[in-house]
PDB file of N, CA and C in Angstrom:
ATOM      1  N   MET A   1     122.211 -12.351  41.613  1.00  0.00           N
ATOM      2  CA  MET A   1     123.493 -12.771  41.999  1.00  0.00           C
ATOM      3  C   MET A   1     124.580 -13.182  41.209  1.00  0.00           C
ATOM      4  N   ILE A   2     124.355 -13.589  39.954  1.00  0.00           N
ATOM      5  CA  ILE A   2     125.165 -13.356  38.824  1.00  0.00           C
ATOM      6  C   ILE A   2     125.573 -12.230  38.380  1.00  0.00           C
ATOM      7  N   TRP A   3     124.854 -11.113  38.422  1.00  0.00           N
ATOM      8  CA  TRP A   3     125.414  -9.866  37.934  1.00  0.00           C
ATOM      9  C   TRP A   3     126.214  -9.487  39.003  1.00  0.00           C
ATOM     10  N   THR A   4     125.942  -9.569  40.411  1.00  0.00           N
ATOM     11  CA  THR A   4     126.885  -9.114  41.451  1.00  0.00           C
ATOM     12  C   THR A   4     128.244  -9.760  41.203  1.00  0.00           C
ATOM     13  N   THR A   5     128.133 -11.026  41.060  1.00  0.00           N
ATOM     14  CA  THR A   5     129.636 -11.698  40.827  1.00  0.00           C
ATOM     15  C   THR A   5     130.373 -11.166  39.620  1.00  0.00           C
ATOM     16  N   THR A   6     129.698 -10.806  38.760  1.00  0.00           N
ATOM     17  CA  THR A   6     130.060 -10.350  37.202  1.00  0.00           C
ATOM     18  C   THR A   6     130.874  -9.174  37.823  1.00  0.00           C
ATOM     19  N   GLN A   7     130.161  -8.332  38.472  1.00  0.00           N
ATOM     20  CA  GLN A   7     130.748  -6.958  38.985  1.00  0.00           C
ATOM     21  C   GLN A   7     131.960  -6.946  39.828  1.00  0.00           C
ATOM     22  N   VAL A   8     132.040  -8.055  40.646  1.00  0.00           N
ATOM     23  CA  VAL A   8     133.230  -8.273  41.546  1.00  0.00           C
ATOM     24  C   VAL A   8     134.134  -8.982  40.661  1.00  0.00           C
ATOM     25  N   ALA A   9     133.948  -9.877  39.925  1.00  0.00           N
ATOM     26  CA  ALA A   9     134.914 -10.420  38.866  1.00  0.00           C
ATOM     27  C   ALA A   9     135.596  -9.148  37.950  1.00  0.00           C
ATOM     28  N   LEU A  10     134.962  -8.492  37.191  1.00  0.00           N
ATOM     29  CA  LEU A  10     135.299  -7.147  36.542  1.00  0.00           C
ATOM     30  C   LEU A  10     136.355  -6.183  37.460  1.00  0.00           C
ATOM     31  N   GLY A  11     135.723  -5.783  38.661  1.00  0.00           N
ATOM     32  CA  GLY A  11     136.452  -4.851  39.512  1.00  0.00           C
ATOM     33  C   GLY A  11     137.680  -5.726  39.983  1.00  0.00           C
ATOM     34  N   GLY A  12     137.603  -6.868  40.220  1.00  0.00           N
ATOM     35  CA  GLY A  12     138.758  -7.510  40.620  1.00  0.00           C
ATOM     36  C   GLY A  12     139.827  -7.639  39.770  1.00  0.00           C
ATOM     37  N   ALA A  13     139.483  -7.534  38.298  1.00  0.00           N
ATOM     38  CA  ALA A  13     140.391  -7.794  37.159  1.00  0.00           C
ATOM     39  C   ALA A  13     140.992  -6.341  37.141  1.00  0.00           C
ATOM     40  N   ILE A  14     139.984  -5.275  37.322  1.00  0.00           N
ATOM     41  CA  ILE A  14     140.646  -3.925  37.003  1.00  0.00           C
ATOM     42  C   ILE A  14     141.738  -3.618  38.264  1.00  0.00           C
ATOM     43  N   GLY A  15     141.323  -4.059  39.696  1.00  0.00           N
ATOM     44  CA  GLY A  15     142.206  -3.848  40.733  1.00  0.00           C
ATOM     45  C   GLY A  15     143.350  -4.471  40.625  1.00  0.00           C
ATOM     46  N   ALA A  16     143.397  -5.845  40.484  1.00  0.00           N
ATOM     47  CA  ALA A  16     144.809  -6.735  40.171  1.00  0.00           C
ATOM     48  C   ALA A  16     145.650  -6.020  39.235  1.00  0.00           C
ATOM     49  N   SER A  17     145.312  -5.664  38.067  1.00  0.00           N
ATOM     50  CA  SER A  17     145.886  -4.921  37.166  1.00  0.00           C
ATOM     51  C   SER A  17     146.669  -3.455  37.534  1.00  0.00           C
ATOM     52  N   LEU A  18     145.854  -2.966  38.425  1.00  0.00           N
ATOM     53  CA  LEU A  18     146.308  -1.667  38.902  1.00  0.00           C
ATOM     54  C   LEU A  18     147.201  -1.744  39.960  1.00  0.00           C
ATOM     55  N   ARG A  19     147.126  -2.972  40.548  1.00  0.00           N
ATOM     56  CA  ARG A  19     148.102  -3.303  41.710  1.00  0.00           C
ATOM     57  C   ARG A  19     149.442  -3.947  41.038  1.00  0.00           C
ATOM     58  N   PHE A  20     149.410  -4.593  39.962  1.00  0.00           N
ATOM     59  CA  PHE A  20     150.562  -4.862  39.234  1.00  0.00           C
ATOM     60  C   PHE A  20     151.291  -3.681  38.450  1.00  0.00           C
ATOM     61  N   LEU A  21     150.468  -2.839  37.825  1.00  0.00           N
ATOM     62  CA  LEU A  21     150.919  -1.992  37.394  1.00  0.00           C
ATOM     63  C   LEU A  21     151.863  -0.581  38.350  1.00  0.00           C
ATOM     64  N   THR A  22     151.030  -0.729  39.469  1.00  0.00           N
ATOM     65  CA  THR A  22     151.661   0.339  40.273  1.00  0.00           C
ATOM     66  C   THR A  22     152.766  -0.332  41.041  1.00  0.00           C
ATOM     67  N   GLY A  23     152.997  -1.400  41.366  1.00  0.00           N
ATOM     68  CA  GLY A  23     154.113  -2.053  41.810  1.00  0.00           C
ATOM     69  C   GLY A  23     155.266  -2.094  40.898  1.00  0.00           C
ATOM     70  N   LEU A  24     154.925  -2.320  39.535  1.00  0.00           N
ATOM     71  CA  LEU A  24     155.769  -2.371  38.727  1.00  0.00           C
ATOM     72  C   LEU A  24     156.291  -1.033  38.547  1.00  0.00           C
ATOM     73  N   GLY A  25     155.881   0.037  38.284  1.00  0.00           N
ATOM     74  CA  GLY A  25     156.074   1.419  38.569  1.00  0.00           C
ATOM     75  C   GLY A  25     156.987   1.995  39.680  1.00  0.00           C
ATOM     76  N   ILE A  26     156.688   1.382  40.665  1.00  0.00           N
ATOM     77  CA  ILE A  26     157.478   1.808  42.058  1.00  0.00           C
ATOM     78  C   ILE A  26     158.508   1.114  42.051  1.00  0.00           C
ATOM     79  N   VAL A  27     158.657  -0.177  41.734  1.00  0.00           N
ATOM     80  CA  VAL A  27     160.104  -0.867  41.727  1.00  0.00           C
ATOM     81  C   VAL A  27     160.923  -0.169  40.600  1.00  0.00           C
ATOM     82  N   ARG A  28     160.360   0.073  39.386  1.00  0.00           N
ATOM     83  CA  ARG A  28     160.979   0.864  38.436  1.00  0.00           C
ATOM     84  C   ARG A  28     161.889   2.216  39.110  1.00  0.00           C
ATOM     85  N   LEU A  29     161.292   2.830  39.679  1.00  0.00           N
ATOM     86  CA  LEU A  29     161.287   4.244  40.275  1.00  0.00           C
ATOM     87  C   LEU A  29     162.342   4.194  41.729  1.00  0.00           C
ATOM     88  N   ALA A  30     162.090   3.042  42.356  1.00  0.00           N
ATOM     89  CA  ALA A  30     162.553   2.807  43.805  1.00  0.00           C
ATOM     90  C   ALA A  30     163.724   1.994  43.836  1.00  0.00           C
ATOM     91  N   GLY A  31     163.693   0.695  42.995  1.00  0.00           N
ATOM     92  CA  GLY A  31     164.115  -0.289  42.855  1.00  0.00           C
ATOM     93  C   GLY A  31     163.729  -1.444  43.908  1.00  0.00           C
ATOM     94  N   HIS A  32     164.554  -2.536  44.073  1.00  0.00           N
ATOM     95  CA  HIS A  32     164.017  -3.689  44.548  1.00  0.00           C
ATOM     96  C   HIS A  32     164.558  -3.448  46.412  1.00  0.00           C
ATOM     97  N   GLY A  33     164.211  -4.429  47.123  1.00  0.00           N
ATOM     98  CA  GLY A  33     164.794  -4.157  48.729  1.00  0.00           C
ATOM     99  C   GLY A  33     163.533  -4.204  49.440  1.00  0.00           C
ATOM    100  N   PHE A  34     163.196  -3.123  50.066  1.00  0.00           N
ATOM    101  CA  PHE A  34     162.048  -3.174  51.074  1.00  0.00           C
ATOM    102  C   PHE A  34     160.903  -2.960  50.171  1.00  0.00           C
ATOM    103  N   PRO A  35     159.845  -3.602  50.597  1.00  0.00           N
ATOM    104  CA  PRO A  35     158.620  -3.756  49.960  1.00  0.00           C
ATOM    105  C   PRO A  35     157.735  -2.544  49.817  1.00  0.00           C
ATOM    106  N   LEU A  36     158.349  -1.522  49.164  1.00  0.00           N
ATOM    107  CA  LEU A  36     157.818  -0.378  49.080  1.00  0.00           C
ATOM    108  C   LEU A  36     156.381  -0.299  48.319  1.00  0.00           C
ATOM    109  N   ALA A  37     156.359  -1.216  47.244  1.00  0.00           N
ATOM    110  CA  ALA A  37     155.342  -1.362  46.456  1.00  0.00           C
ATOM    111  C   ALA A  37     154.222  -2.012  46.956  1.00  0.00           C
ATOM    112  N   ILE A  38     154.362  -2.631  48.024  1.00  0.00           N
ATOM    113  CA  ILE A  38     153.162  -3.245  48.746  1.00  0.00           C
ATOM    114  C   ILE A  38     152.863  -2.419  49.914  1.00  0.00           C
ATOM    115  N   ILE A  39     153.463  -1.663  50.547  1.00  0.00           N
ATOM    116  CA  ILE A  39     153.145  -0.587  51.662  1.00  0.00           C
ATOM    117  C   ILE A  39     152.237   0.409  50.628  1.00  0.00           C
ATOM    118  N   THR A  40     152.833   0.818  49.418  1.00  0.00           N
ATOM    119  CA  THR A  40     151.968   1.933  48.715  1.00  0.00           C
ATOM    120  C   THR A  40     150.729   1.515  48.388  1.00  0.00           C
ATOM    121  N   VAL A  41     150.404   0.158  47.944  1.00  0.00           N
ATOM    122  CA  VAL A  41     149.431  -0.054  47.356  1.00  0.00           C
ATOM    123  C   VAL A  41     148.200  -0.194  48.467  1.00  0.00           C
ATOM    124  N   ASN A  42     148.603  -0.953  49.554  1.00  0.00           N
ATOM    125  CA  ASN A  42     147.904  -1.085  50.869  1.00  0.00           C
ATOM    126  C   ASN A  42     147.523   0.444  51.494  1.00  0.00           C
ATOM    127  N   VAL A  43     148.343   1.420  51.393  1.00  0.00           N
ATOM    128  CA  VAL A  43     147.905   2.632  52.039  1.00  0.00           C
ATOM    129  C   VAL A  43     146.978   3.263  51.081  1.00  0.00           C
ATOM    130  N   ILE A  44     147.322   3.266  49.642  1.00  0.00           N
ATOM    131  CA  ILE A  44     146.517   3.783  48.623  1.00  0.00           C
ATOM    132  C   ILE A  44     145.244   3.033  48.676  1.00  0.00           C
ATOM    133  N   GLY A  45     144.843   1.681  48.659  1.00  0.00           N
ATOM    134  CA  GLY A  45     143.665   1.109  48.853  1.00  0.00           C
ATOM    135  C   GLY A  45     142.944   1.207  50.086  1.00  0.00           C
ATOM    136  N   SER A  46     143.719   1.358  51.191  1.00  0.00           N
ATOM    137  CA  SER A  46     142.868   1.677  52.447  1.00  0.00           C
ATOM    138  C   SER A  46     142.388   2.976  52.320  1.00  0.00           C
ATOM    139  N   PHE A  47     143.121   4.058  51.879  1.00  0.00           N
ATOM    140  CA  PHE A  47     142.451   5.579  51.846  1.00  0.00           C
ATOM    141  C   PHE A  47     141.590   5.536  50.866  1.00  0.00           C
ATOM    142  N   LEU A  48     141.674   4.900  49.620  1.00  0.00           N
ATOM    143  CA  LEU A  48     140.227   4.962  48.894  1.00  0.00           C
ATOM    144  C   LEU A  48     139.196   4.111  49.263  1.00  0.00           C
ATOM    145  N   MET A  49     139.388   2.896  50.159  1.00  0.00           N
ATOM    146  CA  MET A  49     138.452   2.426  50.657  1.00  0.00           C
ATOM    147  C   MET A  49     137.751   3.392  51.595  1.00  0.00           C
ATOM    148  N   GLY A  50     138.177   4.393  52.562  1.00  0.00           N
ATOM    149  CA  GLY A  50     137.809   5.095  53.253  1.00  0.00           C
ATOM    150  C   GLY A  50     136.920   6.163  52.702  1.00  0.00           C
ATOM    151  N   LEU A  51     137.136   6.547  51.594  1.00  0.00           N
ATOM    152  CA  LEU A  51     136.764   7.733  50.742  1.00  0.00           C
ATOM    153  C   LEU A  51     135.301   7.025  50.210  1.00  0.00           C
ATOM    154  N   PHE A  52     135.590   5.785  49.787  1.00  0.00           N
ATOM    155  CA  PHE A  52     134.333   5.235  49.096  1.00  0.00           C
ATOM    156  C   PHE A  52     133.163   5.050  49.854  1.00  0.00           C
ATOM    157  N   VAL A  53     133.775   4.351  51.218  1.00  0.00           N
ATOM    158  CA  VAL A  53     132.511   3.865  52.344  1.00  0.00           C
ATOM    159  C   VAL A  53     131.903   5.262  52.579  1.00  0.00           C
ATOM    160  N   VAL A  54     132.242   6.578  52.824  1.00  0.00           N
ATOM    161  CA  VAL A  54     131.823   7.671  53.056  1.00  0.00           C
ATOM    162  C   VAL A  54     130.839   8.216  51.843  1.00  0.00           C
ATOM    163  N   TYR A  55     131.284   8.319  50.676  1.00  0.00           N
ATOM    164  CA  TYR A  55     130.784   8.715  49.564  1.00  0.00           C
ATOM    165  C   TYR A  55     129.273   7.593  49.261  1.00  0.00           C
ATOM    166  N   ALA A  56     129.706   6.423  49.276  1.00  0.00           N
ATOM    167  CA  ALA A  56     128.517   5.601  48.959  1.00  0.00           C
ATOM    168  C   ALA A  56     127.577   5.708  50.178  1.00  0.00           C
ATOM    169  N   ALA A  57     127.700   5.763  51.393  1.00  0.00           N
ATOM    170  CA  ALA A  57     126.670   6.019  52.448  1.00  0.00           C
ATOM    171  C   ALA A  57     125.878   7.230  51.950  1.00  0.00           C
ATOM    172  N   GLN A  58     126.786   8.219  51.848  1.00  0.00           N
ATOM    173  CA  GLN A  58     125.995   9.954  52.029  1.00  0.00           C
ATOM    174  C   GLN A  58     125.455   9.995  50.440  1.00  0.00           C
ATOM    175  N   ARG A  59     125.801   9.080  49.372  1.00  0.00           N
ATOM    176  CA  ARG A  59     125.097   9.368  48.037  1.00  0.00           C
ATOM    177  C   ARG A  59     124.390   8.460  47.653  1.00  0.00           C
ATOM    178  N   ALA A  60     123.905   7.484  48.771  1.00  0.00           N
ATOM    179  CA  ALA A  60     122.798   6.082  48.382  1.00  0.00           C
ATOM    180  C   ALA A  60     123.580   5.637  47.216  1.00  0.00           C
ATOM    181  N   ALA A  61     124.807   5.332  47.295  1.00  0.00           N
ATOM    182  CA  ALA A  61     125.668   4.538  46.159  1.00  0.00           C
ATOM    183  C   ALA A  61     126.405   3.140  46.679  1.00  0.00           C
ATOM    184  N   THR A  62     125.444   2.652  47.710  1.00  0.00           N
ATOM    185  CA  THR A  62     126.014   1.389  48.152  1.00  0.00           C
ATOM    186  C   THR A  62     126.123   0.257  47.175  1.00  0.00           C
ATOM    187  N   HIS A  63     125.112   0.490  46.221  1.00  0.00           N
ATOM    188  CA  HIS A  63     124.965  -0.682  45.181  1.00  0.00           C
ATOM    189  C   HIS A  63     125.990  -0.914  44.440  1.00  0.00           C
ATOM    190  N   LEU A  64     127.166   0.248  44.601  1.00  0.00           N
ATOM    191  CA  LEU A  64     128.256   0.117  43.600  1.00  0.00           C
ATOM    192  C   LEU A  64     129.460  -0.702  44.574  1.00  0.00           C
ATOM    193  N   SER A  65     129.174  -0.955  45.839  1.00  0.00           N
ATOM    194  CA  SER A  65     130.093  -1.473  46.718  1.00  0.00           C
ATOM    195  C   SER A  65     130.587  -2.876  46.231  1.00  0.00           C
ATOM    196  N   PRO A  66     129.912  -3.760  45.570  1.00  0.00           N
ATOM    197  CA  PRO A  66     130.492  -5.169  45.233  1.00  0.00           C
ATOM    198  C   PRO A  66     131.864  -4.812  44.065  1.00  0.00           C
ATOM    199  N   PHE A  67     131.190  -3.647  43.060  1.00  0.00           N
ATOM    200  CA  PHE A  67     132.079  -3.712  42.144  1.00  0.00           C
ATOM    201  C   PHE A  67     133.538  -2.841  42.685  1.00  0.00           C
ATOM    202  N   VAL A  68     133.436  -1.840  43.520  1.00  0.00           N
ATOM    203  CA  VAL A  68     134.358  -0.775  44.080  1.00  0.00           C
ATOM    204  C   VAL A  68     135.010  -1.588  45.074  1.00  0.00           C
ATOM    205  N   MET A  69     134.213  -1.896  46.448  1.00  0.00           N
ATOM    206  CA  MET A  69     134.938  -2.026  47.551  1.00  0.00           C
ATOM    207  C   MET A  69     135.264  -3.645  47.305  1.00  0.00           C
ATOM    208  N   THR A  70     134.427  -4.737  46.812  1.00  0.00           N
ATOM    209  CA  THR A  70     135.232  -5.885  46.946  1.00  0.00           C
ATOM    210  C   THR A  70     136.028  -6.332  45.443  1.00  0.00           C
ATOM    211  N   GLY A  71     135.464  -5.688  44.593  1.00  0.00           N
ATOM    212  CA  GLY A  71     136.321  -5.805  43.131  1.00  0.00           C
ATOM    213  C   GLY A  71     137.364  -5.206  43.199  1.00  0.00           C
ATOM    214  N   ILE A  72     137.340  -3.782  42.936  1.00  0.00           N
ATOM    215  CA  ILE A  72     138.414  -3.010  42.573  1.00  0.00           C
ATOM    216  C   ILE A  72     139.426  -2.873  43.570  1.00  0.00           C
ATOM    217  N   LEU A  73     138.779  -2.493  44.774  1.00  0.00           N
ATOM    218  CA  LEU A  73     139.903  -2.235  45.770  1.00  0.00           C
ATOM    219  C   LEU A  73     140.130  -3.804  46.440  1.00  0.00           C
ATOM    220  N   GLY A  74     139.134  -4.503  46.483  1.00  0.00           N
ATOM    221  CA  GLY A  74     139.934  -6.128  46.858  1.00  0.00           C
ATOM    222  C   GLY A  74     141.004  -6.405  46.042  1.00  0.00           C
ATOM    223  N   GLY A  75     140.716  -6.085  44.798  1.00  0.00           N
ATOM    224  CA  GLY A  75     141.701  -7.045  43.707  1.00  0.00           C
ATOM    225  C   GLY A  75     143.030  -5.994  43.869  1.00  0.00           C
ATOM    226  N   PHE A  76     142.913  -4.751  44.184  1.00  0.00           N
ATOM    227  CA  PHE A  76     144.184  -3.756  44.167  1.00  0.00           C
ATOM    228  C   PHE A  76     144.819  -4.047  45.541  1.00  0.00           C
ATOM    229  N   THR A  77     144.174  -4.640  46.700  1.00  0.00           N
ATOM    230  CA  THR A  77     144.662  -4.884  47.957  1.00  0.00           C
ATOM    231  C   THR A  77     143.550  -5.296  48.831  1.00  0.00           C
ATOM    232  N   THR A  78     143.910  -6.552  49.273  1.00  0.00           N
ATOM    233  CA  THR A  78     142.797  -6.793  50.493  1.00  0.00           C
ATOM    234  C   THR A  78     143.198  -6.290  51.715  1.00  0.00           C
ATOM    235  N   PHE A  79     143.910  -5.630  51.934  1.00  0.00           N
ATOM    236  CA  PHE A  79     144.507  -4.697  53.126  1.00  0.00           C
ATOM    237  C   PHE A  79     143.478  -3.771  53.175  1.00  0.00           C
ATOM    238  N   SER A  80     142.991  -3.208  52.110  1.00  0.00           N
ATOM    239  CA  SER A  80     142.071  -2.032  52.561  1.00  0.00           C
ATOM    240  C   SER A  80     140.617  -2.727  53.228  1.00  0.00           C
ATOM    241  N   ALA A  81     140.009  -3.958  52.844  1.00  0.00           N
ATOM    242  CA  ALA A  81     139.090  -4.760  53.526  1.00  0.00           C
ATOM    243  C   ALA A  81     139.375  -4.723  54.851  1.00  0.00           C
ATOM    244  N   PHE A  82     140.768  -5.367  55.114  1.00  0.00           N
ATOM    245  CA  PHE A  82     141.198  -5.630  56.487  1.00  0.00           C
ATOM    246  C   PHE A  82     141.174  -4.282  57.458  1.00  0.00           C
ATOM    247  N   SER A  83     141.675  -3.107  56.751  1.00  0.00           N
ATOM    248  CA  SER A  83     141.670  -1.742  57.538  1.00  0.00           C
ATOM    249  C   SER A  83     140.167  -1.579  57.632  1.00  0.00           C
ATOM    250  N   LEU A  84     139.304  -1.648  56.819  1.00  0.00           N
ATOM    251  CA  LEU A  84     137.654  -1.261  57.128  1.00  0.00           C
ATOM    252  C   LEU A  84     137.413  -1.909  58.405  1.00  0.00           C
ATOM    253  N   GLU A  85     137.535  -3.167  58.181  1.00  0.00           N
ATOM    254  CA  GLU A  85     136.860  -3.996  59.429  1.00  0.00           C
ATOM    255  C   GLU A  85     137.636  -3.648  60.691  1.00  0.00           C
ATOM    256  N   ALA A  86     138.896  -3.490  60.783  1.00  0.00           N
ATOM    257  CA  ALA A  86     139.297  -3.087  61.779  1.00  0.00           C
ATOM    258  C   ALA A  86     139.040  -1.834  62.477  1.00  0.00           C
ATOM    259  N   TYR A  87     138.877  -0.818  61.523  1.00  0.00           N
ATOM    260  CA  TYR A  87     138.436   0.638  61.934  1.00  0.00           C
ATOM    261  C   TYR A  87     136.835   0.419  62.275  1.00  0.00           C
ATOM    262  N   THR A  88     136.237  -0.321  61.700  1.00  0.00           N
ATOM    263  CA  THR A  88     134.633  -0.481  62.016  1.00  0.00           C
ATOM    264  C   THR A  88     134.493  -1.129  63.533  1.00  0.00           C
ATOM    265  N   LEU A  89     135.280  -1.859  63.890  1.00  0.00           N
ATOM    266  CA  LEU A  89     135.245  -2.543  65.268  1.00  0.00           C
ATOM    267  C   LEU A  89     135.536  -1.492  66.111  1.00  0.00           C
ATOM    268  N   PHE A  90     136.759  -0.710  65.913  1.00  0.00           N
ATOM    269  CA  PHE A  90     137.109   0.408  66.751  1.00  0.00           C
ATOM    270  C   PHE A  90     135.874   1.465  66.781  1.00  0.00           C
ATOM    271  N   GLU A  91     135.367   1.828  65.802  1.00  0.00           N
ATOM    272  CA  GLU A  91     133.994   3.115  65.664  1.00  0.00           C
ATOM    273  C   GLU A  91     133.132   2.483  66.328  1.00  0.00           C
ATOM    274  N   ARG A  92     132.816   1.138  66.426  1.00  0.00           N
ATOM    275  CA  ARG A  92     131.888   0.766  66.990  1.00  0.00           C
ATOM    276  C   ARG A  92     131.937   0.559  68.785  1.00  0.00           C
ATOM    277  N   GLY A  93     132.968   1.074  69.294  1.00  0.00           N
ATOM    278  CA  GLY A  93     133.269   1.314  70.507  1.00  0.00           C
ATOM    279  C   GLY A  93     133.781  -0.205  71.179  1.00  0.00           C
ATOM    280  N   GLN A  94     134.751  -0.939  70.111  1.00  0.00           N
ATOM    281  CA  GLN A  94     135.114  -2.089  70.623  1.00  0.00           C
ATOM    282  C   GLN A  94     136.990  -2.279  70.166  1.00  0.00           C
ATOM    283  N   PRO A  95     137.363  -1.198  70.947  1.00  0.00           N
ATOM    284  CA  PRO A  95     139.106  -1.476  70.564  1.00  0.00           C
ATOM    285  C   PRO A  95     139.605  -2.425  70.900  1.00  0.00           C
ATOM    286  N   MET A  96     139.284  -3.452  71.855  1.00  0.00           N
ATOM    287  CA  MET A  96     140.074  -4.752  72.066  1.00  0.00           C
ATOM    288  C   MET A  96     139.737  -5.495  71.192  1.00  0.00           C
ATOM    289  N   SER A  97     138.685  -5.387  70.601  1.00  0.00           N
ATOM    290  CA  SER A  97     138.093  -6.523  69.715  1.00  0.00           C
ATOM    291  C   SER A  97     138.996  -6.105  68.348  1.00  0.00           C
ATOM    292  N   ALA A  98     139.008  -4.735  68.197  1.00  0.00           N
ATOM    293  CA  ALA A  98     140.020  -4.222  66.938  1.00  0.00           C
ATOM    294  C   ALA A  98     141.194  -4.771  66.864  1.00  0.00           C
ATOM    295  N   ALA A  99     141.691  -4.401  68.242  1.00  0.00           N
ATOM    296  CA  ALA A  99     143.246  -4.818  68.570  1.00  0.00           C
ATOM    297  C   ALA A  99     143.672  -6.232  68.323  1.00  0.00           C
ATOM    298  N   ILE A 100     142.467  -6.923  68.863  1.00  0.00           N
ATOM    299  CA  ILE A 100     142.873  -8.440  68.711  1.00  0.00           C
ATOM    300  C   ILE A 100     142.714  -8.707  67.157  1.00  0.00           C
ATOM    301  N   TYR A 101     141.768  -8.363  66.390  1.00  0.00           N
ATOM    302  CA  TYR A 101     141.280  -8.654  64.958  1.00  0.00           C
ATOM    303  C   TYR A 101     142.782  -8.112  64.303  1.00  0.00           C
ATOM    304  N   VAL A 102     143.390  -7.122  64.914  1.00  0.00           N
ATOM    305  CA  VAL A 102     144.503  -6.840  63.918  1.00  0.00           C
ATOM    306  C   VAL A 102     145.760  -7.676  64.281  1.00  0.00           C
ATOM    307  N   LEU A 103     145.969  -7.899  65.559  1.00  0.00           N
ATOM    308  CA  LEU A 103     147.020  -8.628  65.995  1.00  0.00           C
ATOM    309  C   LEU A 103     146.699  -9.876  65.174  1.00  0.00           C
ATOM    310  N   GLY A 104     145.526 -10.661  65.563  1.00  0.00           N
ATOM    311  CA  GLY A 104     145.553 -11.931  65.227  1.00  0.00           C
ATOM    312  C   GLY A 104     145.622 -12.130  63.486  1.00  0.00           C
ATOM    313  N   SER A 105     145.101 -11.049  62.884  1.00  0.00           N
ATOM    314  CA  SER A 105     145.352 -11.316  61.360  1.00  0.00           C
ATOM    315  C   SER A 105     146.626 -11.374  61.008  1.00  0.00           C
ATOM    316  N   VAL A 106     147.455 -10.452  61.677  1.00  0.00           N
ATOM    317  CA  VAL A 106     148.728 -10.418  61.223  1.00  0.00           C
ATOM    318  C   VAL A 106     149.636 -11.567  61.703  1.00  0.00           C
ATOM    319  N   VAL A 107     149.632 -11.857  62.786  1.00  0.00           N
ATOM    320  CA  VAL A 107     150.106 -12.970  63.366  1.00  0.00           C
ATOM    321  C   VAL A 107     149.765 -14.276  62.553  1.00  0.00           C
ATOM    322  N   CYS A 108     148.637 -14.426  62.472  1.00  0.00           N
ATOM    323  CA  CYS A 108     147.938 -15.806  61.915  1.00  0.00           C
ATOM    324  C   CYS A 108     148.126 -15.734  60.411  1.00  0.00           C
ATOM    325  N   SER A 109     148.385 -14.418  59.986  1.00  0.00           N
ATOM    326  CA  SER A 109     148.347 -14.875  58.277  1.00  0.00           C
ATOM    327  C   SER A 109     149.810 -14.985  57.970  1.00  0.00           C
ATOM    328  N   ILE A 110     150.949 -14.403  58.939  1.00  0.00           N
ATOM    329  CA  ILE A 110     152.099 -14.681  58.748  1.00  0.00           C
ATOM    330  C   ILE A 110     152.564 -16.149  59.244  1.00  0.00           C
ATOM    331  N   GLY A 111     151.747 -16.590  60.035  1.00  0.00           N
ATOM    332  CA  GLY A 111     151.869 -18.154  60.465  1.00  0.00           C
ATOM    333  C   GLY A 111     151.368 -19.158  59.461  1.00  0.00           C
ATOM    334  N   GLY A 112     150.273 -18.556  58.818  1.00  0.00           N
ATOM    335  CA  GLY A 112     149.797 -19.227  57.656  1.00  0.00           C
ATOM    336  C   GLY A 112     150.915 -19.238  56.480  1.00  0.00           C
ATOM    337  N   LEU A 113     151.461 -18.409  56.041  1.00  0.00           N
ATOM    338  CA  LEU A 113     152.334 -18.282  55.347  1.00  0.00           C
ATOM    339  C   LEU A 113     153.643 -19.281  55.416  1.00  0.00           C
ATOM    340  N   VAL A 114     154.044 -18.993  56.580  1.00  0.00           N
ATOM    341  CA  VAL A 114     155.142 -19.865  57.115  1.00  0.00           C
ATOM    342  C   VAL A 114     155.059 -21.587  56.971  1.00  0.00           C
ATOM    343  N   ALA A 115     153.701 -21.664  57.418  1.00  0.00           N
ATOM    344  CA  ALA A 115     153.479 -23.082  57.271  1.00  0.00           C
ATOM    345  C   ALA A 115     153.234 -23.626  55.783  1.00  0.00           C
ATOM    346  N   GLY A 116     152.435 -22.688  55.202  1.00  0.00           N
ATOM    347  CA  GLY A 116     152.429 -23.169  53.538  1.00  0.00           C
ATOM    348  C   GLY A 116     153.978 -23.400  53.015  1.00  0.00           C
ATOM    349  N   VAL A 117     154.932 -22.568  53.230  1.00  0.00           N
ATOM    350  CA  VAL A 117     156.412 -22.596  52.703  1.00  0.00           C
ATOM    351  C   VAL A 117     156.791 -23.771  53.216  1.00  0.00           C
ATOM    352  N   VAL A 118     156.483 -24.198  54.833  1.00  0.00           N
ATOM    353  CA  VAL A 118     157.664 -25.321  55.226  1.00  0.00           C
ATOM    354  C   VAL A 118     156.484 -26.742  54.752  1.00  0.00           C
ATOM    355  N   ILE A 119     155.296 -26.617  54.548  1.00  0.00           N
ATOM    356  CA  ILE A 119     154.711 -27.775  54.075  1.00  0.00           C
ATOM    357  C   ILE A 119     155.227 -28.077  52.399  1.00  0.00           C
ATOM    358  N   ALA A 120     155.275 -26.735  51.749  1.00  0.00           N
ATOM    359  CA  ALA A 120     155.605 -26.936  50.157  1.00  0.00           C
ATOM    360  C   ALA A 120     157.073 -27.428  50.100  1.00  0.00           C
ATOM    361  N   ARG A 121     157.920 -27.025  50.935  1.00  0.00           N
ATOM    362  CA  ARG A 121     159.263 -27.297  50.792  1.00  0.00           C
ATOM    363  C   ARG A 121     159.335 -28.876  51.144  1.00  0.00           C
ATOM    364  N   ALA A 122     158.558 -29.215  52.038  1.00  0.00           N
ATOM    365  CA  ALA A 122     158.482 -30.677  52.457  1.00  0.00           C
ATOM    366  C   ALA A 122     157.955 -31.454  51.574  1.00  0.00           C
ATOM    367  N   ILE A 123     157.034 -31.078  50.938  1.00  0.00           N
ATOM    368  CA  ILE A 123     156.302 -31.821  49.796  1.00  0.00           C
ATOM    369  C   ILE A 123     157.194 -31.776  48.428  1.00  0.00           C
ATOM    370  N   PHE A 124     157.832 -30.674  47.943  1.00  0.00           N
ATOM    371  CA  PHE A 124     158.270 -30.502  46.705  1.00  0.00           C
ATOM    372  C   PHE A 124     159.815 -30.522  46.660  1.00  0.00           C
ATOM    373  N   ALA A 125     160.480 -30.616  47.851  1.00  0.00           N
ATOM    374  CA  ALA A 125     161.840 -30.830  47.859  1.00  0.00           C
ATOM    375  C   ALA A 125     162.660 -31.892  47.209  1.00  0.00           C
TER     376      ALA A 125
END
């Protein structure tokens, strides 16, 4: 358990650093305004998650999942995990559950953010 937690932590540090550097590079190239950096890391992370899931399953490398999936890709973008869960539901023949998961995640996450902002403004204003 300690080794797995260490793998996740190390991978998370790598992923978060890569997210920061990727975002910084995109902002320097494209400027501010539209959140292009966030979309880019979300798409890249989701793509890499898809590649790794198949690779790990076919090459008996699932032991690397805590480091790669939870750590690196989770640190790079949690959207990749979200994408994998949505796709897994769809692939299992549960398209309605997938749609509810996607819509619920987006709406509730934005709602949670708004609630946090409102509460923080009330407390710290």
